[in-house]
Amino acid sequence: MRAPRFSPPVVFRLVAVGLVVLIIVAASLHLRHVPHDVGVPDLGPPGSRDRLAAGLAHCQALGMKADGDPACEAVWAENRKRFFAPDAGR
């Protein structure tokens, strides 16, 4: 009885599957070492920031709970007002 011979398309498929498996293993090993404690960068002592920056940081910390919060909506409105002010670039 003769041993089965692999044709070039079968060998190509085996190599392709092997490369995909190798890439998946490498990606999973890389993702295991990503630090999970990535947070908001330190902007300095709280006393050095103005009231608007403190309000924006508070609303950012609330996350989805900030949606519909009247205090956050007021802070966002003030931020838009400052951003779109005609003299904001000066």
PDB file of N, CA and C in Angstrom:
ATOM      1  N   MET A   1       0.834  -1.173   0.000  1.00  0.00           N
ATOM      2  CA  MET A   1       0.000   0.000   0.000  1.00  0.00           C
ATOM      3  C   MET A   1       0.886   1.245   0.000  1.00  0.00           C
ATOM      4  N   ARG A   2       0.532   2.208  -0.796  1.00  0.00           N
ATOM      5  CA  ARG A   2       1.318   3.426  -0.923  1.00  0.00           C
ATOM      6  C   ARG A   2       0.858   4.476   0.091  1.00  0.00           C
ATOM      7  N   ALA A   3       1.821   5.213   0.599  1.00  0.00           N
ATOM      8  CA  ALA A   3       1.500   6.295   1.527  1.00  0.00           C
ATOM      9  C   ALA A   3       0.874   7.436   0.735  1.00  0.00           C
ATOM     10  N   PRO A   4      -0.132   8.116   1.300  1.00  0.00           N
ATOM     11  CA  PRO A   4      -0.763   9.228   0.566  1.00  0.00           C
ATOM     12  C   PRO A   4       0.217  10.390   0.448  1.00  0.00           C
ATOM     13  N   ARG A   5       0.223  10.981  -0.707  1.00  0.00           N
ATOM     14  CA  ARG A   5       1.087  12.132  -0.957  1.00  0.00           C
ATOM     15  C   ARG A   5       0.259  13.402  -0.827  1.00  0.00           C
ATOM     16  N   PHE A   6       0.898  14.376  -0.259  1.00  0.00           N
ATOM     17  CA  PHE A   6       0.220  15.652  -0.123  1.00  0.00           C
ATOM     18  C   PHE A   6       0.422  16.461  -1.395  1.00  0.00           C
ATOM     19  N   SER A   7      -0.672  16.932  -1.922  1.00  0.00           N
ATOM     20  CA  SER A   7      -0.585  17.789  -3.107  1.00  0.00           C
ATOM     21  C   SER A   7      -0.267  19.220  -2.655  1.00  0.00           C
ATOM     22  N   PRO A   8       0.249  20.052  -3.542  1.00  0.00           N
ATOM     23  CA  PRO A   8       0.600  21.438  -3.159  1.00  0.00           C
ATOM     24  C   PRO A   8      -0.558  22.237  -2.540  1.00  0.00           C
ATOM     25  N   PRO A   9      -1.799  22.128  -3.033  1.00  0.00           N
ATOM     26  CA  PRO A   9      -2.874  22.886  -2.373  1.00  0.00           C
ATOM     27  C   PRO A   9      -3.113  22.435  -0.929  1.00  0.00           C
ATOM     28  N   VAL A  10      -2.964  21.150  -0.650  1.00  0.00           N
ATOM     29  CA  VAL A  10      -3.170  20.656   0.710  1.00  0.00           C
ATOM     30  C   VAL A  10      -2.057  21.166   1.621  1.00  0.00           C
ATOM     31  N   VAL A  11      -0.828  21.145   1.138  1.00  0.00           N
ATOM     32  CA  VAL A  11       0.296  21.654   1.923  1.00  0.00           C
ATOM     33  C   VAL A  11       0.121  23.148   2.183  1.00  0.00           C
ATOM     34  N   PHE A  12      -0.316  23.902   1.191  1.00  0.00           N
ATOM     35  CA  PHE A  12      -0.545  25.338   1.351  1.00  0.00           C
ATOM     36  C   PHE A  12      -1.605  25.592   2.418  1.00  0.00           C
ATOM     37  N   ARG A  13      -2.689  24.827   2.400  1.00  0.00           N
ATOM     38  CA  ARG A  13      -3.749  25.004   3.394  1.00  0.00           C
ATOM     39  C   ARG A  13      -3.243  24.675   4.794  1.00  0.00           C
ATOM     40  N   LEU A  14      -2.443  23.625   4.930  1.00  0.00           N
ATOM     41  CA  LEU A  14      -1.895  23.271   6.238  1.00  0.00           C
ATOM     42  C   LEU A  14      -0.976  24.373   6.765  1.00  0.00           C
ATOM     43  N   VAL A  15      -0.159  24.933   5.899  1.00  0.00           N
ATOM     44  CA  VAL A  15       0.735  26.020   6.310  1.00  0.00           C
ATOM     45  C   VAL A  15      -0.082  27.256   6.684  1.00  0.00           C
ATOM     46  N   ALA A  16      -1.117  27.558   5.924  1.00  0.00           N
ATOM     47  CA  ALA A  16      -1.953  28.726   6.210  1.00  0.00           C
ATOM     48  C   ALA A  16      -2.662  28.568   7.559  1.00  0.00           C
ATOM     49  N   VAL A  17      -3.212  27.409   7.833  1.00  0.00           N
ATOM     50  CA  VAL A  17      -3.883  27.162   9.108  1.00  0.00           C
ATOM     51  C   VAL A  17      -2.869  27.263  10.250  1.00  0.00           C
ATOM     52  N   GLY A  18      -1.679  26.731  10.042  1.00  0.00           N
ATOM     53  CA  GLY A  18      -0.638  26.819  11.064  1.00  0.00           C
ATOM     54  C   GLY A  18      -0.248  28.253  11.361  1.00  0.00           C
ATOM     55  N   LEU A  19      -0.142  29.085  10.330  1.00  0.00           N
ATOM     56  CA  LEU A  19       0.185  30.492  10.537  1.00  0.00           C
ATOM     57  C   LEU A  19      -0.917  31.232  11.286  1.00  0.00           C
ATOM     58  N   VAL A  20      -2.164  30.931  10.963  1.00  0.00           N
ATOM     59  CA  VAL A  20      -3.290  31.575  11.657  1.00  0.00           C
ATOM     60  C   VAL A  20      -3.268  31.196  13.132  1.00  0.00           C
ATOM     61  N   VAL A  21      -3.036  29.928  13.429  1.00  0.00           N
ATOM     62  CA  VAL A  21      -2.970  29.477  14.825  1.00  0.00           C
ATOM     63  C   VAL A  21      -1.806  30.170  15.534  1.00  0.00           C
ATOM     64  N   LEU A  22      -0.670  30.285  14.881  1.00  0.00           N
ATOM     65  CA  LEU A  22       0.490  30.939  15.471  1.00  0.00           C
ATOM     66  C   LEU A  22       0.203  32.416  15.761  1.00  0.00           C
ATOM     67  N   ILE A  23      -0.479  33.088  14.858  1.00  0.00           N
ATOM     68  CA  ILE A  23      -0.821  34.500  15.060  1.00  0.00           C
ATOM     69  C   ILE A  23      -1.781  34.658  16.231  1.00  0.00           C
ATOM     70  N   ILE A  24      -2.759  33.774  16.335  1.00  0.00           N
ATOM     71  CA  ILE A  24      -3.713  33.843  17.440  1.00  0.00           C
ATOM     72  C   ILE A  24      -3.016  33.616  18.776  1.00  0.00           C
ATOM     73  N   VAL A  25      -2.120  32.656  18.832  1.00  0.00           N
ATOM     74  CA  VAL A  25      -1.383  32.389  20.075  1.00  0.00           C
ATOM     75  C   VAL A  25      -0.504  33.587  20.433  1.00  0.00           C
ATOM     76  N   ALA A  26       0.188  34.164  19.452  1.00  0.00           N
ATOM     77  CA  ALA A  26       1.046  35.316  19.724  1.00  0.00           C
ATOM     78  C   ALA A  26       0.231  36.513  20.206  1.00  0.00           C
ATOM     79  N   ALA A  27      -0.923  36.740  19.602  1.00  0.00           N
ATOM     80  CA  ALA A  27      -1.768  37.859  20.020  1.00  0.00           C
ATOM     81  C   ALA A  27      -2.296  37.647  21.435  1.00  0.00           C
ATOM     82  N   SER A  28      -2.705  36.445  21.758  1.00  0.00           N
ATOM     83  CA  SER A  28      -3.222  36.188  23.103  1.00  0.00           C
ATOM     84  C   SER A  28      -2.123  36.328  24.151  1.00  0.00           C
ATOM     85  N   LEU A  29      -0.905  35.917  23.834  1.00  0.00           N
ATOM     86  CA  LEU A  29       0.201  36.096  24.773  1.00  0.00           C
ATOM     87  C   LEU A  29       0.533  37.576  24.958  1.00  0.00           C
ATOM     88  N   HIS A  30       0.464  38.331  23.883  1.00  0.00           N
ATOM     89  CA  HIS A  30       0.742  39.763  23.978  1.00  0.00           C
ATOM     90  C   HIS A  30      -0.328  40.467  24.806  1.00  0.00           C
ATOM     91  N   LEU A  31      -1.582  40.119  24.616  1.00  0.00           N
ATOM     92  CA  LEU A  31      -2.662  40.787  25.320  1.00  0.00           C
ATOM     93  C   LEU A  31      -2.699  40.434  26.804  1.00  0.00           C
ATOM     94  N   ARG A  32      -2.089  39.332  27.179  1.00  0.00           N
ATOM     95  CA  ARG A  32      -2.040  38.983  28.602  1.00  0.00           C
ATOM     96  C   ARG A  32      -1.155  39.946  29.367  1.00  0.00           C
ATOM     97  N   HIS A  33      -0.207  40.592  28.716  1.00  0.00           N
ATOM     98  CA  HIS A  33       0.753  41.447  29.390  1.00  0.00           C
ATOM     99  C   HIS A  33       0.408  42.924  29.317  1.00  0.00           C
ATOM    100  N   VAL A  34      -0.763  43.283  28.818  1.00  0.00           N
ATOM    101  CA  VAL A  34      -1.174  44.680  28.750  1.00  0.00           C
ATOM    102  C   VAL A  34      -1.633  45.105  30.144  1.00  0.00           C
ATOM    103  N   PRO A  35      -1.130  46.212  30.676  1.00  0.00           N
ATOM    104  CA  PRO A  35      -1.562  46.632  32.014  1.00  0.00           C
ATOM    105  C   PRO A  35      -3.034  47.035  32.001  1.00  0.00           C
ATOM    106  N   HIS A  36      -3.745  46.627  33.026  1.00  0.00           N
ATOM    107  CA  HIS A  36      -5.176  46.912  33.105  1.00  0.00           C
ATOM    108  C   HIS A  36      -5.466  48.125  33.983  1.00  0.00           C
ATOM    109  N   ASP A  37      -4.438  48.737  34.546  1.00  0.00           N
ATOM    110  CA  ASP A  37      -4.658  49.870  35.429  1.00  0.00           C
ATOM    111  C   ASP A  37      -4.454  51.207  34.720  1.00  0.00           C
ATOM    112  N   VAL A  38      -4.710  51.231  33.417  1.00  0.00           N
ATOM    113  CA  VAL A  38      -4.583  52.472  32.658  1.00  0.00           C
ATOM    114  C   VAL A  38      -5.766  53.355  33.024  1.00  0.00           C
ATOM    115  N   GLY A  39      -5.474  54.559  33.485  1.00  0.00           N
ATOM    116  CA  GLY A  39      -6.540  55.443  33.928  1.00  0.00           C
ATOM    117  C   GLY A  39      -6.396  56.822  33.332  1.00  0.00           C
ATOM    118  N   VAL A  40      -7.058  57.761  33.969  1.00  0.00           N
ATOM    119  CA  VAL A  40      -7.011  59.154  33.549  1.00  0.00           C
ATOM    120  C   VAL A  40      -5.658  59.727  33.954  1.00  0.00           C
ATOM    121  N   PRO A  41      -4.980  60.431  33.066  1.00  0.00           N
ATOM    122  CA  PRO A  41      -3.679  61.001  33.431  1.00  0.00           C
ATOM    123  C   PRO A  41      -3.818  62.025  34.550  1.00  0.00           C
ATOM    124  N   ASP A  42      -2.801  62.124  35.366  1.00  0.00           N
ATOM    125  CA  ASP A  42      -2.785  63.065  36.466  1.00  0.00           C
ATOM    126  C   ASP A  42      -2.607  64.477  35.910  1.00  0.00           C
ATOM    127  N   LEU A  43      -3.527  65.357  36.237  1.00  0.00           N
ATOM    128  CA  LEU A  43      -3.495  66.723  35.723  1.00  0.00           C
ATOM    129  C   LEU A  43      -2.915  67.693  36.738  1.00  0.00           C
ATOM    130  N   GLY A  44      -2.297  67.176  37.779  1.00  0.00           N
ATOM    131  CA  GLY A  44      -1.724  68.036  38.803  1.00  0.00           C
ATOM    132  C   GLY A  44      -2.619  68.084  40.015  1.00  0.00           C
ATOM    133  N   PRO A  45      -2.254  68.907  40.970  1.00  0.00           N
ATOM    134  CA  PRO A  45      -3.065  69.001  42.182  1.00  0.00           C
ATOM    135  C   PRO A  45      -4.437  69.579  41.874  1.00  0.00           C
ATOM    136  N   PRO A  46      -5.470  69.104  42.586  1.00  0.00           N
ATOM    137  CA  PRO A  46      -6.831  69.578  42.300  1.00  0.00           C
ATOM    138  C   PRO A  46      -6.995  71.084  42.471  1.00  0.00           C
ATOM    139  N   GLY A  47      -6.202  71.709  43.321  1.00  0.00           N
ATOM    140  CA  GLY A  47      -6.332  73.155  43.535  1.00  0.00           C
ATOM    141  C   GLY A  47      -5.883  73.977  42.345  1.00  0.00           C
ATOM    142  N   SER A  48      -5.078  73.401  41.457  1.00  0.00           N
ATOM    143  CA  SER A  48      -4.565  74.158  40.323  1.00  0.00           C
ATOM    144  C   SER A  48      -5.525  74.171  39.140  1.00  0.00           C
ATOM    145  N   ARG A  49      -6.531  73.329  39.159  1.00  0.00           N
ATOM    146  CA  ARG A  49      -7.483  73.305  38.045  1.00  0.00           C
ATOM    147  C   ARG A  49      -8.661  74.219  38.343  1.00  0.00           C
ATOM    148  N   ASP A  50      -9.254  74.735  37.314  1.00  0.00           N
ATOM    149  CA  ASP A  50     -10.417  75.587  37.537  1.00  0.00           C
ATOM    150  C   ASP A  50     -11.669  74.738  37.762  1.00  0.00           C
ATOM    151  N   ARG A  51     -12.748  75.408  38.078  1.00  0.00           N
ATOM    152  CA  ARG A  51     -14.000  74.724  38.412  1.00  0.00           C
ATOM    153  C   ARG A  51     -14.543  73.923  37.229  1.00  0.00           C
ATOM    154  N   LEU A  52     -14.384  74.428  36.018  1.00  0.00           N
ATOM    155  CA  LEU A  52     -14.876  73.720  34.838  1.00  0.00           C
ATOM    156  C   LEU A  52     -14.125  72.415  34.625  1.00  0.00           C
ATOM    157  N   ALA A  53     -12.817  72.453  34.766  1.00  0.00           N
ATOM    158  CA  ALA A  53     -12.024  71.234  34.591  1.00  0.00           C
ATOM    159  C   ALA A  53     -12.378  70.199  35.655  1.00  0.00           C
ATOM    160  N   ALA A  54     -12.611  70.653  36.870  1.00  0.00           N
ATOM    161  CA  ALA A  54     -13.001  69.728  37.938  1.00  0.00           C
ATOM    162  C   ALA A  54     -14.368  69.117  37.637  1.00  0.00           C
ATOM    163  N   GLY A  55     -15.292  69.930  37.132  1.00  0.00           N
ATOM    164  CA  GLY A  55     -16.619  69.415  36.779  1.00  0.00           C
ATOM    165  C   GLY A  55     -16.557  68.416  35.640  1.00  0.00           C
ATOM    166  N   LEU A  56     -15.725  68.708  34.634  1.00  0.00           N
ATOM    167  CA  LEU A  56     -15.568  67.772  33.513  1.00  0.00           C
ATOM    168  C   LEU A  56     -14.961  66.452  33.982  1.00  0.00           C
ATOM    169  N   ALA A  57     -13.983  66.534  34.888  1.00  0.00           N
ATOM    170  CA  ALA A  57     -13.376  65.309  35.411  1.00  0.00           C
ATOM    171  C   ALA A  57     -14.388  64.501  36.205  1.00  0.00           C
ATOM    172  N   HIS A  58     -15.230  65.190  36.971  1.00  0.00           N
ATOM    173  CA  HIS A  58     -16.262  64.491  37.745  1.00  0.00           C
ATOM    174  C   HIS A  58     -17.253  63.787  36.826  1.00  0.00           C
ATOM    175  N   CYS A  59     -17.684  64.473  35.785  1.00  0.00           N
ATOM    176  CA  CYS A  59     -18.652  63.871  34.854  1.00  0.00           C
ATOM    177  C   CYS A  59     -18.017  62.717  34.081  1.00  0.00           C
ATOM    178  N   GLN A  60     -16.735  62.827  33.778  1.00  0.00           N
ATOM    179  CA  GLN A  60     -16.053  61.727  33.103  1.00  0.00           C
ATOM    180  C   GLN A  60     -15.975  60.509  34.018  1.00  0.00           C
ATOM    181  N   ALA A  61     -15.753  60.743  35.302  1.00  0.00           N
ATOM    182  CA  ALA A  61     -15.675  59.639  36.252  1.00  0.00           C
ATOM    183  C   ALA A  61     -17.029  58.953  36.419  1.00  0.00           C
ATOM    184  N   LEU A  62     -18.116  59.704  36.241  1.00  0.00           N
ATOM    185  CA  LEU A  62     -19.444  59.105  36.355  1.00  0.00           C
ATOM    186  C   LEU A  62     -19.745  58.153  35.201  1.00  0.00           C
ATOM    187  N   GLY A  63     -19.164  58.406  34.055  1.00  0.00           N
ATOM    188  CA  GLY A  63     -19.400  57.544  32.900  1.00  0.00           C
ATOM    189  C   GLY A  63     -20.800  57.725  32.352  1.00  0.00           C
ATOM    190  N   MET A  64     -21.487  56.605  32.126  1.00  0.00           N
ATOM    191  CA  MET A  64     -22.834  56.652  31.536  1.00  0.00           C
ATOM    192  C   MET A  64     -23.861  57.252  32.494  1.00  0.00           C
ATOM    193  N   LYS A  65     -23.558  57.262  33.788  1.00  0.00           N
ATOM    194  CA  LYS A  65     -24.492  57.849  34.758  1.00  0.00           C
ATOM    195  C   LYS A  65     -24.593  59.357  34.578  1.00  0.00           C
ATOM    196  N   ALA A  66     -23.600  59.961  33.928  1.00  0.00           N
ATOM    197  CA  ALA A  66     -23.603  61.411  33.728  1.00  0.00           C
ATOM    198  C   ALA A  66     -24.634  61.845  32.703  1.00  0.00           C
ATOM    199  N   ASP A  67     -25.088  60.918  31.857  1.00  0.00           N
ATOM    200  CA  ASP A  67     -26.089  61.253  30.849  1.00  0.00           C
ATOM    201  C   ASP A  67     -27.408  61.556  31.548  1.00  0.00           C
ATOM    202  N   GLY A  68     -27.879  62.747  31.395  1.00  0.00           N
ATOM    203  CA  GLY A  68     -29.130  63.154  32.026  1.00  0.00           C
ATOM    204  C   GLY A  68     -28.931  63.823  33.374  1.00  0.00           C
ATOM    205  N   ASP A  69     -27.706  63.888  33.877  1.00  0.00           N
ATOM    206  CA  ASP A  69     -27.413  64.559  35.132  1.00  0.00           C
ATOM    207  C   ASP A  69     -27.409  66.062  34.883  1.00  0.00           C
ATOM    208  N   PRO A  70     -28.245  66.831  35.601  1.00  0.00           N
ATOM    209  CA  PRO A  70     -28.323  68.275  35.339  1.00  0.00           C
ATOM    210  C   PRO A  70     -27.000  69.006  35.581  1.00  0.00           C
ATOM    211  N   ALA A  71     -26.240  68.594  36.573  1.00  0.00           N
ATOM    212  CA  ALA A  71     -24.958  69.263  36.842  1.00  0.00           C
ATOM    213  C   ALA A  71     -23.991  69.033  35.687  1.00  0.00           C
ATOM    214  N   CYS A  72     -23.943  67.810  35.178  1.00  0.00           N
ATOM    215  CA  CYS A  72     -23.041  67.508  34.060  1.00  0.00           C
ATOM    216  C   CYS A  72     -23.489  68.220  32.788  1.00  0.00           C
ATOM    217  N   GLU A  73     -24.791  68.306  32.581  1.00  0.00           N
ATOM    218  CA  GLU A  73     -25.282  69.016  31.405  1.00  0.00           C
ATOM    219  C   GLU A  73     -24.897  70.493  31.465  1.00  0.00           C
ATOM    220  N   ALA A  74     -24.925  71.084  32.662  1.00  0.00           N
ATOM    221  CA  ALA A  74     -24.523  72.479  32.813  1.00  0.00           C
ATOM    222  C   ALA A  74     -23.020  72.641  32.557  1.00  0.00           C
ATOM    223  N   VAL A  75     -22.227  71.698  33.044  1.00  0.00           N
ATOM    224  CA  VAL A  75     -20.782  71.754  32.827  1.00  0.00           C
ATOM    225  C   VAL A  75     -20.477  71.607  31.342  1.00  0.00           C
ATOM    226  N   TRP A  76     -21.156  70.687  30.666  1.00  0.00           N
ATOM    227  CA  TRP A  76     -20.917  70.479  29.236  1.00  0.00           C
ATOM    228  C   TRP A  76     -21.331  71.717  28.436  1.00  0.00           C
ATOM    229  N   ALA A  77     -22.437  72.339  28.847  1.00  0.00           N
ATOM    230  CA  ALA A  77     -22.888  73.554  28.148  1.00  0.00           C
ATOM    231  C   ALA A  77     -21.849  74.666  28.304  1.00  0.00           C
ATOM    232  N   GLU A  78     -21.304  74.821  29.507  1.00  0.00           N
ATOM    233  CA  GLU A  78     -20.269  75.831  29.721  1.00  0.00           C
ATOM    234  C   GLU A  78     -19.018  75.514  28.915  1.00  0.00           C
ATOM    235  N   ASN A  79     -18.669  74.243  28.830  1.00  0.00           N
ATOM    236  CA  ASN A  79     -17.495  73.838  28.057  1.00  0.00           C
ATOM    237  C   ASN A  79     -17.696  74.143  26.572  1.00  0.00           C
ATOM    238  N   ARG A  80     -18.885  73.852  26.036  1.00  0.00           N
ATOM    239  CA  ARG A  80     -19.174  74.177  24.635  1.00  0.00           C
ATOM    240  C   ARG A  80     -19.134  75.685  24.408  1.00  0.00           C
ATOM    241  N   LYS A  81     -19.666  76.441  25.391  1.00  0.00           N
ATOM    242  CA  LYS A  81     -19.675  77.898  25.271  1.00  0.00           C
ATOM    243  C   LYS A  81     -18.241  78.433  25.206  1.00  0.00           C
ATOM    244  N   ARG A  82     -17.353  77.918  26.038  1.00  0.00           N
ATOM    245  CA  ARG A  82     -15.960  78.362  26.022  1.00  0.00           C
ATOM    246  C   ARG A  82     -15.243  77.909  24.744  1.00  0.00           C
ATOM    247  N   PHE A  83     -15.553  76.687  24.297  1.00  0.00           N
ATOM    248  CA  PHE A  83     -14.871  76.145  23.127  1.00  0.00           C
ATOM    249  C   PHE A  83     -15.227  76.913  21.870  1.00  0.00           C
ATOM    250  N   PHE A  84     -16.520  77.230  21.709  1.00  0.00           N
ATOM    251  CA  PHE A  84     -16.982  77.887  20.494  1.00  0.00           C
ATOM    252  C   PHE A  84     -17.001  79.400  20.599  1.00  0.00           C
ATOM    253  N   ALA A  85     -16.456  79.969  21.662  1.00  0.00           N
ATOM    254  CA  ALA A  85     -16.428  81.424  21.813  1.00  0.00           C
ATOM    255  C   ALA A  85     -15.529  82.018  20.726  1.00  0.00           C
ATOM    256  N   PRO A  86     -15.899  83.185  20.189  1.00  0.00           N
ATOM    257  CA  PRO A  86     -15.104  83.785  19.121  1.00  0.00           C
ATOM    258  C   PRO A  86     -13.668  84.112  19.546  1.00  0.00           C
ATOM    259  N   ASP A  87     -13.442  84.422  20.813  1.00  0.00           N
ATOM    260  CA  ASP A  87     -12.098  84.764  21.267  1.00  0.00           C
ATOM    261  C   ASP A  87     -11.393  83.591  21.938  1.00  0.00           C
ATOM    262  N   ALA A  88     -11.845  82.354  21.680  1.00  0.00           N
ATOM    263  CA  ALA A  88     -11.251  81.183  22.321  1.00  0.00           C
ATOM    264  C   ALA A  88      -9.835  80.927  21.825  1.00  0.00           C
ATOM    265  N   GLY A  89      -9.520  81.354  20.617  1.00  0.00           N
ATOM    266  CA  GLY A  89      -8.197  81.109  20.053  1.00  0.00           C
ATOM    267  C   GLY A  89      -7.132  82.067  20.541  1.00  0.00           C
ATOM    268  N   ARG A  90      -7.515  83.085  21.264  1.00  0.00           N
ATOM    269  CA  ARG A  90      -6.546  84.109  21.696  1.00  0.00           C
ATOM    270  C   ARG A  90      -6.007  83.826  23.054  1.00  0.00           C
TER     271      ARG A  90
END
